[in-house]
């Protein structure tokens, strides 16, 4: 996979760590504590009536990931698609996915379902967010219209009945998704049976940074609390992120306008949509690499490859293989 973008080009990069190392969560959320206290993620294990996606959004329990992906599709181009395809090939260590089945758990924009299909895989995509499902279907319409080898559905990784219809696959892919479910550990356990014996699981999970992660959780809750919170977060952090990029461009003697226009993350994303996804990405859970390793070891998986964020903010990436006899 191409080298990750420098810290100043990532919303969770080291340029921004000092703010969270020294700023208490109470300061970040001043004026909104009472409003947020009633908006904790619901415990779906004990609720008698399931909460719909729309209700979660309305209550401030969930970020509108799908709406952000819909905006991203307006800037999606062939270069970004090629970048996504290259990152998938590099991490999996392959040139083609011909003959493979690929399950995209939480397909989001549909970009990586598209990348997998263009590499020859038979693809199944699903997402909990109806707008994300619509985005994935739109990419299928644009690039693989009426293709019988690419199925797109709406469903939840926390729904055993739905998962029972998905079968098993050579590659199960869930990049930056399971930590946004509100029940990360359950979601991690639920994807394990979806991997065929001898198949691979490719996931990315936010790194646990202790107090820093808790402060970011406060920011995300504030963002999702409603329009006032969203405005406050954007007013504080958009200039903060932009200043970090500007400083980096000056130090590297780059034209800031050219740098912004040319921005592509290591996975084909865009700078503002990366910022928005980071700031609003709630529910938000984190894990240490060893916790992920141990959980899947118990499920009969072997770690093949791991790519960490060097102990910082961001996602640790893992590729596991399932024991053929397990």
Protein backbone atom coordinates (compact mmCIF):
# COMPACT_ATOMS: atom_id res chain seq x y z
CA UNK A 1 0.00 0.00 0.00
CA UNK A 2 1.30 3.51 -0.73
CA UNK A 3 2.83 5.28 2.23
CA UNK A 4 0.13 7.00 4.34
CA UNK A 5 -0.28 10.72 3.97
CA UNK A 6 1.96 12.78 6.26
CA UNK A 7 0.57 13.66 9.65
CA UNK A 8 -0.41 17.16 8.62
CA UNK A 9 -2.53 15.76 5.78
CA UNK A 10 -4.52 13.57 8.16
CA UNK A 11 -7.11 15.05 10.50
CA UNK A 12 -5.84 12.82 13.28
CA UNK A 13 -2.18 13.49 12.57
CA UNK A 14 0.56 14.44 14.95
CA UNK A 15 0.28 18.13 14.10
CA UNK A 16 -3.01 18.17 16.01
CA UNK A 17 -2.17 15.93 18.95
CA UNK A 18 -1.03 18.69 21.30
CA UNK A 19 -4.52 20.21 21.40
CA UNK A 20 -5.94 17.00 22.81
CA UNK A 21 -3.06 16.26 25.11
CA UNK A 22 -3.68 19.51 26.97
CA UNK A 23 -7.33 20.40 26.37
CA UNK A 24 -9.83 18.77 28.77
CA UNK A 25 -12.98 17.32 27.28
CA UNK A 26 -15.03 19.64 29.48
CA UNK A 27 -13.55 22.62 27.64
CA UNK A 28 -14.27 21.16 24.22
CA UNK A 29 -17.88 20.50 25.11
CA UNK A 30 -18.55 23.62 27.17
CA UNK A 31 -22.17 24.66 26.92
CA UNK A 32 -23.26 21.29 25.55
CA UNK A 33 -22.68 18.86 28.42
CA UNK A 34 -26.31 18.71 29.48
CA UNK A 35 -27.54 18.26 25.94
CA UNK A 36 -25.11 15.43 25.30
CA UNK A 37 -25.71 13.55 28.53
CA UNK A 38 -29.01 12.20 27.25
CA UNK A 39 -27.52 11.10 23.93
CA UNK A 40 -25.38 8.12 24.91
CA UNK A 41 -25.29 5.25 22.43
CA UNK A 42 -28.30 3.04 23.22
CA UNK A 43 -27.71 -0.45 24.54
CA UNK A 44 -29.30 -2.49 21.80
CA UNK A 45 -28.95 -5.68 23.82
CA UNK A 46 -31.51 -4.47 26.37
CA UNK A 47 -33.83 -2.35 24.25
CA UNK A 48 -37.24 -3.87 23.60
CA UNK A 49 -37.75 -1.90 20.42
CA UNK A 50 -34.85 -1.54 17.95
CA UNK A 51 -33.85 2.02 17.10
CA UNK A 52 -33.85 2.84 13.40
CA UNK A 53 -30.99 4.53 11.58
CA UNK A 54 -33.09 7.69 11.12
CA UNK A 55 -33.92 7.78 14.84
CA UNK A 56 -30.25 7.44 15.76
CA UNK A 57 -29.41 10.40 13.53
CA UNK A 58 -32.24 12.48 14.98
CA UNK A 59 -31.19 11.73 18.56
CA UNK A 60 -27.56 12.60 17.90
CA UNK A 61 -26.38 9.02 18.38
CA UNK A 62 -24.93 8.62 14.89
CA UNK A 63 -23.07 10.59 12.23
CA UNK A 64 -24.60 10.75 8.75
CA UNK A 65 -21.80 8.82 7.07
CA UNK A 66 -23.88 8.23 3.96
CA UNK A 67 -24.54 11.92 3.40
CA UNK A 68 -20.80 12.58 3.53
CA UNK A 69 -20.17 9.76 1.04
CA UNK A 70 -22.80 11.19 -1.30
CA UNK A 71 -20.87 14.47 -1.37
CA UNK A 72 -17.64 12.56 -1.95
CA UNK A 73 -19.08 10.95 -5.09
CA UNK A 74 -19.26 14.40 -6.67
CA UNK A 75 -15.45 14.56 -6.67
CA UNK A 76 -14.74 10.88 -7.37
CA UNK A 77 -12.65 10.45 -10.50
CA UNK A 78 -10.59 7.80 -12.27
CA UNK A 79 -7.44 8.79 -10.38
CA UNK A 80 -9.09 8.20 -7.00
CA UNK A 81 -10.47 4.87 -8.18
CA UNK A 82 -7.01 3.82 -9.38
CA UNK A 83 -5.55 4.84 -6.01
CA UNK A 84 -8.12 2.73 -4.15
CA UNK A 85 -7.44 -0.22 -6.43
CA UNK A 86 -3.68 0.12 -5.92
CA UNK A 87 -4.02 0.28 -2.13
CA UNK A 88 -6.16 -2.87 -2.12
CA UNK A 89 -3.67 -4.75 -4.30
CA UNK A 90 -0.71 -3.64 -2.19
CA UNK A 91 -2.20 -4.62 1.16
CA UNK A 92 -3.51 -7.98 -0.07
CA UNK A 93 -0.32 -8.64 -2.03
CA UNK A 94 -2.15 -9.51 -5.26
CA UNK A 95 -2.46 -8.27 -8.83
CA UNK A 96 -5.93 -9.66 -9.43
CA UNK A 97 -8.94 -10.92 -7.50
CA UNK A 98 -10.23 -13.11 -10.33
CA UNK A 99 -12.09 -16.11 -9.00
CA UNK A 100 -12.39 -14.62 -5.49
CA UNK A 101 -15.53 -13.63 -3.60
CA UNK A 102 -15.33 -10.30 -1.76
CA UNK A 103 -17.71 -9.17 1.00
CA UNK A 104 -17.61 -5.43 1.77
CA UNK A 105 -18.99 -4.97 5.29
CA UNK A 106 -20.02 -1.32 5.57
CA UNK A 107 -19.40 -0.31 1.96
CA UNK A 108 -19.75 3.46 2.54
CA UNK A 109 -19.18 5.25 -0.74
CA UNK A 110 -18.79 1.93 -2.55
CA UNK A 111 -15.29 2.88 -3.69
CA UNK A 112 -13.62 -0.29 -2.45
CA UNK A 113 -16.41 -2.53 -3.66
CA UNK A 114 -15.81 -0.92 -7.04
CA UNK A 115 -12.06 -1.47 -6.71
CA UNK A 116 -12.55 -5.14 -5.84
CA UNK A 117 -15.00 -5.70 -8.69
CA UNK A 118 -12.66 -4.02 -11.17
CA UNK A 119 -9.94 -6.42 -10.00
CA UNK A 120 -12.18 -9.32 -10.94
CA UNK A 121 -13.82 -10.32 -7.65
CA UNK A 122 -17.44 -11.32 -7.23
CA UNK A 123 -18.66 -8.66 -4.81
CA UNK A 124 -21.35 -8.42 -2.17
CA UNK A 125 -21.71 -5.02 -0.49
CA UNK A 126 -23.89 -4.00 2.42
CA UNK A 127 -24.23 -1.02 4.73
CA UNK A 128 -26.45 0.03 7.62
CA UNK A 129 -26.80 3.60 6.31
CA UNK A 130 -29.41 3.90 3.51
CA UNK A 131 -27.48 6.76 1.91
CA UNK A 132 -24.32 4.65 1.83
CA UNK A 133 -26.28 1.87 0.16
CA UNK A 134 -27.49 4.41 -2.41
CA UNK A 135 -23.90 5.56 -3.02
CA UNK A 136 -22.69 2.00 -3.58
CA UNK A 137 -25.59 1.32 -5.93
CA UNK A 138 -24.77 4.50 -7.82
CA UNK A 139 -21.18 3.37 -8.40
CA UNK A 140 -22.44 -0.01 -9.53
CA UNK A 141 -24.79 1.77 -11.96
CA UNK A 142 -21.99 3.97 -13.29
CA UNK A 143 -19.34 1.32 -13.78
CA UNK A 144 -20.97 -2.14 -13.69
CA UNK A 145 -24.59 -1.59 -14.60
CA UNK A 146 -26.81 -4.67 -14.12
CA UNK A 147 -23.75 -6.74 -13.22
CA UNK A 148 -24.84 -10.07 -11.66
CA UNK A 149 -21.47 -10.38 -9.92
CA UNK A 150 -21.99 -7.30 -7.74
CA UNK A 151 -24.82 -7.34 -5.20
CA UNK A 152 -25.65 -4.34 -3.00
CA UNK A 153 -27.89 -4.61 0.07
CA UNK A 154 -28.95 -2.67 3.15
CA UNK A 155 -28.18 -4.51 6.38
CA UNK A 156 -26.38 -4.40 9.71
CA UNK A 157 -23.32 -6.29 10.88
CA UNK A 158 -25.10 -6.48 14.25
CA UNK A 159 -28.08 -8.36 12.77
CA UNK A 160 -27.51 -12.15 12.97
CA UNK A 161 -30.54 -12.90 10.79
CA UNK A 162 -29.22 -10.68 8.01
CA UNK A 163 -25.68 -12.04 8.31
CA UNK A 164 -26.97 -15.59 7.97
CA UNK A 165 -27.94 -14.72 4.37
CA UNK A 166 -24.45 -13.56 3.39
CA UNK A 167 -22.64 -16.89 3.16
CA UNK A 168 -18.84 -17.11 3.45
CA UNK A 169 -16.26 -15.38 1.30
CA UNK A 170 -12.63 -15.56 0.25
CA UNK A 171 -12.09 -11.97 1.39
CA UNK A 172 -14.12 -10.10 3.99
CA UNK A 173 -13.28 -6.40 3.99
CA UNK A 174 -14.33 -3.83 6.59
CA UNK A 175 -12.09 -0.77 6.65
CA UNK A 176 -12.87 1.76 9.38
CA UNK A 177 -16.41 0.50 9.93
CA UNK A 178 -16.78 -1.82 12.91
CA UNK A 179 -15.69 0.83 15.44
CA UNK A 180 -18.66 2.97 14.32
CA UNK A 181 -21.36 0.39 15.09
CA UNK A 182 -21.81 1.21 18.77
CA UNK A 183 -20.98 -2.42 19.60
CA UNK A 184 -17.49 -2.90 18.19
CA UNK A 185 -16.61 -6.14 19.94
CA UNK A 186 -19.86 -7.78 18.87
CA UNK A 187 -19.29 -6.56 15.31
CA UNK A 188 -15.75 -7.99 15.33
CA UNK A 189 -17.09 -11.35 16.48
CA UNK A 190 -19.85 -11.27 13.88
CA UNK A 191 -17.54 -10.89 10.87
CA UNK A 192 -15.41 -13.92 11.76
CA UNK A 193 -17.89 -16.58 10.53
CA UNK A 194 -18.29 -14.70 7.22
CA UNK A 195 -14.73 -15.64 6.22
CA UNK A 196 -14.46 -18.93 4.34
CA UNK A 197 -11.96 -21.50 5.70
CA UNK A 198 -8.59 -20.45 4.30
CA UNK A 199 -9.99 -17.01 3.46
CA UNK A 200 -8.81 -13.57 4.54
CA UNK A 201 -10.21 -10.85 6.78
CA UNK A 202 -9.04 -7.27 6.11
CA UNK A 203 -10.11 -4.78 8.78
CA UNK A 204 -9.02 -1.38 10.08
CA UNK A 205 -9.80 -0.27 13.63
CA UNK A 206 -9.07 3.02 15.40
CA UNK A 207 -6.04 2.90 17.67
CA UNK A 208 -6.64 3.25 21.41
CA UNK A 209 -4.85 6.36 22.70
CA UNK A 210 -6.41 6.49 26.13
CA UNK A 211 -7.33 10.03 27.17
CA UNK A 212 -6.76 11.45 23.71
CA UNK A 213 -9.29 9.02 22.25
CA UNK A 214 -11.80 9.99 24.95
CA UNK A 215 -11.40 13.67 24.09
CA UNK A 216 -11.98 12.94 20.41
CA UNK A 217 -15.11 11.05 21.44
CA UNK A 218 -16.35 14.26 23.11
CA UNK A 219 -15.73 16.22 19.91
CA UNK A 220 -17.63 13.68 17.82
CA UNK A 221 -20.56 13.61 20.24
CA UNK A 222 -20.70 17.39 20.11
CA UNK A 223 -20.70 17.34 16.31
CA UNK A 224 -23.60 14.87 16.20
CA UNK A 225 -25.62 16.66 18.90
CA UNK A 226 -27.27 18.97 16.36
CA UNK A 227 -26.64 21.99 14.17
CA UNK A 228 -25.11 24.21 16.92
CA UNK A 229 -22.60 21.52 17.87
CA UNK A 230 -21.75 20.84 14.24
CA UNK A 231 -21.13 24.54 13.59
CA UNK A 232 -18.89 24.85 16.67
CA UNK A 233 -16.79 21.83 15.72
CA UNK A 234 -16.35 22.99 12.13
CA UNK A 235 -15.50 26.55 13.18
CA UNK A 236 -12.81 25.27 15.55
CA UNK A 237 -11.29 22.41 13.61
CA UNK A 238 -11.53 23.32 9.92
CA UNK A 239 -9.22 26.33 10.41
CA UNK A 240 -7.06 24.19 12.71
CA UNK A 241 -6.63 21.47 10.09
CA UNK A 242 -6.18 24.01 7.29
CA UNK A 243 -3.48 25.83 9.25
CA UNK A 244 -1.61 22.58 9.72
CA UNK A 245 -1.71 21.87 5.98
CA UNK A 246 -0.69 25.44 5.16
CA UNK A 247 2.28 25.27 7.53
CA UNK A 248 3.37 21.99 5.99
CA UNK A 249 3.10 23.43 2.48
CA UNK A 250 5.16 26.48 3.46
CA UNK A 251 7.86 24.34 5.05
CA UNK A 252 7.98 22.12 1.97
CA UNK A 253 7.81 25.13 -0.40
CA UNK A 254 4.65 23.88 -2.06
CA UNK A 255 1.86 25.96 -3.53
CA UNK A 256 -1.00 25.55 -0.99
CA UNK A 257 -3.69 25.84 -3.65
CA UNK A 258 -2.05 23.24 -5.87
CA UNK A 259 -1.50 20.98 -2.87
CA UNK A 260 -5.16 21.18 -1.87
CA UNK A 261 -6.38 20.50 -5.41
CA UNK A 262 -4.04 17.54 -5.80
CA UNK A 263 -4.79 15.95 -2.41
CA UNK A 264 -5.42 12.25 -2.48
CA UNK A 265 -5.15 10.18 0.65
CA UNK A 266 -3.46 6.80 0.47
CA UNK A 267 -6.90 5.31 -0.18
CA UNK A 268 -8.21 7.74 -2.80
CA UNK A 269 -10.23 10.00 -0.50
CA UNK A 270 -10.47 13.82 -0.51
CA UNK A 271 -9.24 16.20 2.16
CA UNK A 272 -12.50 17.85 3.27
CA UNK A 273 -14.43 14.58 3.24
CA UNK A 274 -11.65 13.02 5.31
CA UNK A 275 -11.95 15.88 7.82
CA UNK A 276 -15.73 15.60 7.95
CA UNK A 277 -15.64 11.84 8.40
CA UNK A 278 -13.13 12.18 11.22
CA UNK A 279 -14.87 15.00 13.09
CA UNK A 280 -18.35 13.52 12.93
CA UNK A 281 -17.54 9.81 13.03
CA UNK A 282 -19.74 8.66 15.92
CA UNK A 283 -20.29 6.10 17.47
CA UNK A 284 -16.56 5.87 18.05
CA UNK A 285 -14.66 3.03 19.71
CA UNK A 286 -10.98 2.14 19.78
CA UNK A 287 -8.77 -0.89 20.43
CA UNK A 288 -5.13 -1.73 20.97
CA UNK A 289 -3.51 -3.91 18.28
CA UNK A 290 -2.95 -6.77 20.73
CA UNK A 291 -6.65 -6.79 21.62
CA UNK A 292 -7.61 -7.28 17.98
CA UNK A 293 -4.95 -9.96 17.53
CA UNK A 294 -6.10 -11.91 20.58
CA UNK A 295 -9.79 -11.72 19.69
CA UNK A 296 -9.28 -13.23 16.26
CA UNK A 297 -6.76 -15.79 17.51
CA UNK A 298 -9.59 -17.17 19.62
CA UNK A 299 -11.72 -17.39 16.47
CA UNK A 300 -9.07 -19.51 14.73
CA UNK A 301 -7.39 -16.77 12.69
CA UNK A 302 -3.70 -16.13 12.07
CA UNK A 303 -2.34 -12.61 11.63
CA UNK A 304 -0.75 -12.27 8.18
CA UNK A 305 -0.05 -8.56 8.03
CA UNK A 306 -0.44 -5.56 10.30
CA UNK A 307 0.08 -1.89 9.55
CA UNK A 308 -0.10 0.40 12.56
CA UNK A 309 -0.44 4.16 12.85
CA UNK A 310 2.82 4.28 14.83
CA UNK A 311 1.04 4.61 18.16
CA UNK A 312 -0.83 7.72 17.05
CA UNK A 313 -4.38 8.60 16.10
CA UNK A 314 -5.82 6.78 13.14
CA UNK A 315 -6.51 3.20 12.12
CA UNK A 316 -4.42 0.09 12.58
CA UNK A 317 -4.88 -2.27 9.63
CA UNK A 318 -4.96 -6.05 9.94
CA UNK A 319 -5.11 -8.95 7.54
CA UNK A 320 -5.97 -12.30 9.12
CA UNK A 321 -6.31 -15.71 7.51
CA UNK A 322 -8.82 -18.24 8.77
CA UNK A 323 -7.52 -21.67 9.69
CA UNK A 324 -8.93 -24.08 7.06
CA UNK A 325 -9.81 -26.58 9.80
CA UNK A 326 -11.47 -24.11 12.16
